[in-house]
Amino acid sequence: MDFKRRKRLALLILLVGMPAYVVFAVTVMSTLDRFPKWVELPTYIFLGVAWALPFRWVFLGIGKGDPDQE
């Protein structure tokens, strides 16, 4: 996948996918029984990191300049 397409996909993931995932995660956590604060905090931290792991390949090198451009 070329750099420009990866950059657009990363932007789409950040603008559409991440907010949808946040709504999903908060909805799931609120429908479950209320956990103690010491359980909720690590769960939210895990959910906050877990969304990005499958998309790591998309985000690698996006902040750098276009390697295809001279």
C-alpha atoms as a PDB file:
ATOM      1  CA  MET A   1       0.000   0.000   0.000  1.00  0.00           C
ATOM      2  CA  ASP A   2       1.482   3.359  -0.971  1.00  0.00           C
ATOM      3  CA  PHE A   3       2.122   6.181   1.486  1.00  0.00           C
ATOM      4  CA  LYS A   4      -0.718   8.440   0.382  1.00  0.00           C
ATOM      5  CA  ARG A   5      -3.302   5.652   0.706  1.00  0.00           C
ATOM      6  CA  ARG A   6      -1.977   4.686   4.164  1.00  0.00           C
ATOM      7  CA  LYS A   7      -2.150   8.318   5.255  1.00  0.00           C
ATOM      8  CA  ARG A   8      -5.771   8.602   4.133  1.00  0.00           C
ATOM      9  CA  LEU A   9      -6.653   5.314   5.828  1.00  0.00           C
ATOM     10  CA  ALA A  10      -5.022   6.475   9.070  1.00  0.00           C
ATOM     11  CA  LEU A  11      -7.026   9.696   8.928  1.00  0.00           C
ATOM     12  CA  LEU A  12     -10.243   7.742   8.337  1.00  0.00           C
ATOM     13  CA  ILE A  13      -9.467   5.441  11.253  1.00  0.00           C
ATOM     14  CA  LEU A  14      -8.767   8.388  13.560  1.00  0.00           C
ATOM     15  CA  LEU A  15     -11.785  10.481  12.528  1.00  0.00           C
ATOM     16  CA  VAL A  16     -14.428   7.761  12.153  1.00  0.00           C
ATOM     17  CA  GLY A  17     -13.160   4.502  13.638  1.00  0.00           C
ATOM     18  CA  MET A  18     -11.786   5.748  16.927  1.00  0.00           C
ATOM     19  CA  PRO A  19     -14.899   7.734  17.976  1.00  0.00           C
ATOM     20  CA  ALA A  20     -17.087   4.762  17.026  1.00  0.00           C
ATOM     21  CA  TYR A  21     -14.859   2.487  19.109  1.00  0.00           C
ATOM     22  CA  VAL A  22     -15.035   4.883  22.074  1.00  0.00           C
ATOM     23  CA  VAL A  23     -18.838   4.898  21.929  1.00  0.00           C
ATOM     24  CA  PHE A  24     -18.833   1.095  21.675  1.00  0.00           C
ATOM     25  CA  ALA A  25     -16.422   0.651  24.606  1.00  0.00           C
ATOM     26  CA  VAL A  26     -18.274   3.072  26.877  1.00  0.00           C
ATOM     27  CA  THR A  27     -21.622   1.488  25.986  1.00  0.00           C
ATOM     28  CA  VAL A  28     -20.340  -1.995  26.758  1.00  0.00           C
ATOM     29  CA  MET A  29     -18.788  -0.865  30.032  1.00  0.00           C
ATOM     30  CA  SER A  30     -21.969   0.914  31.112  1.00  0.00           C
ATOM     31  CA  THR A  31     -24.232  -2.043  30.319  1.00  0.00           C
ATOM     32  CA  LEU A  32     -22.128  -4.358  32.468  1.00  0.00           C
ATOM     33  CA  ASP A  33     -22.552  -4.269  36.193  1.00  0.00           C
ATOM     34  CA  ARG A  34     -20.754  -1.401  37.857  1.00  0.00           C
ATOM     35  CA  PHE A  35     -17.182  -2.367  38.703  1.00  0.00           C
ATOM     36  CA  PRO A  36     -15.050  -0.841  41.443  1.00  0.00           C
ATOM     37  CA  LYS A  37     -12.890   2.102  40.320  1.00  0.00           C
ATOM     38  CA  TRP A  38      -9.695   0.060  40.650  1.00  0.00           C
ATOM     39  CA  VAL A  39     -11.079  -2.404  38.064  1.00  0.00           C
ATOM     40  CA  GLU A  40     -12.582   0.193  35.715  1.00  0.00           C
ATOM     41  CA  LEU A  41      -9.414   2.264  35.313  1.00  0.00           C
ATOM     42  CA  PRO A  42      -7.176  -0.584  34.046  1.00  0.00           C
ATOM     43  CA  THR A  43     -10.026  -1.782  31.829  1.00  0.00           C
ATOM     44  CA  TYR A  44     -10.388   1.630  30.189  1.00  0.00           C
ATOM     45  CA  ILE A  45      -6.608   1.893  29.793  1.00  0.00           C
ATOM     46  CA  PHE A  46      -6.538  -1.535  28.133  1.00  0.00           C
ATOM     47  CA  LEU A  47      -9.433  -0.625  25.833  1.00  0.00           C
ATOM     48  CA  GLY A  48      -7.727   2.662  25.007  1.00  0.00           C
ATOM     49  CA  VAL A  49      -4.585   0.885  23.808  1.00  0.00           C
ATOM     50  CA  ALA A  50      -6.235  -2.194  22.294  1.00  0.00           C
ATOM     51  CA  TRP A  51      -7.995  -0.303  19.473  1.00  0.00           C
ATOM     52  CA  ALA A  52      -4.691   0.751  17.917  1.00  0.00           C
ATOM     53  CA  LEU A  53      -2.918  -2.604  17.949  1.00  0.00           C
ATOM     54  CA  PRO A  54      -4.611  -4.048  14.837  1.00  0.00           C
ATOM     55  CA  PHE A  55      -3.872  -0.817  12.926  1.00  0.00           C
ATOM     56  CA  ARG A  56      -0.222  -0.491  13.900  1.00  0.00           C
ATOM     57  CA  TRP A  57       0.954  -1.163  10.354  1.00  0.00           C
ATOM     58  CA  VAL A  58      -1.148   1.745   9.083  1.00  0.00           C
ATOM     59  CA  PHE A  59       0.242   4.280  11.556  1.00  0.00           C
ATOM     60  CA  LEU A  60       3.937   3.360  11.237  1.00  0.00           C
ATOM     61  CA  GLY A  61       5.819   6.166   9.489  1.00  0.00           C
ATOM     62  CA  ILE A  62       2.792   8.389   8.869  1.00  0.00           C
ATOM     63  CA  GLY A  63       4.350  11.330  10.758  1.00  0.00           C
ATOM     64  CA  LYS A  64       7.441  11.295   8.550  1.00  0.00           C
ATOM     65  CA  GLY A  65       7.742  12.664   5.043  1.00  0.00           C
ATOM     66  CA  ASP A  66       6.587  10.763   1.975  1.00  0.00           C
ATOM     67  CA  PRO A  67       9.325   8.206   1.182  1.00  0.00           C
ATOM     68  CA  ASP A  68       8.114   7.925  -2.439  1.00  0.00           C
ATOM     69  CA  GLN A  69       8.575  11.640  -3.090  1.00  0.00           C
ATOM     70  CA  GLU A  70      12.066  12.868  -3.933  1.00  0.00           C
END
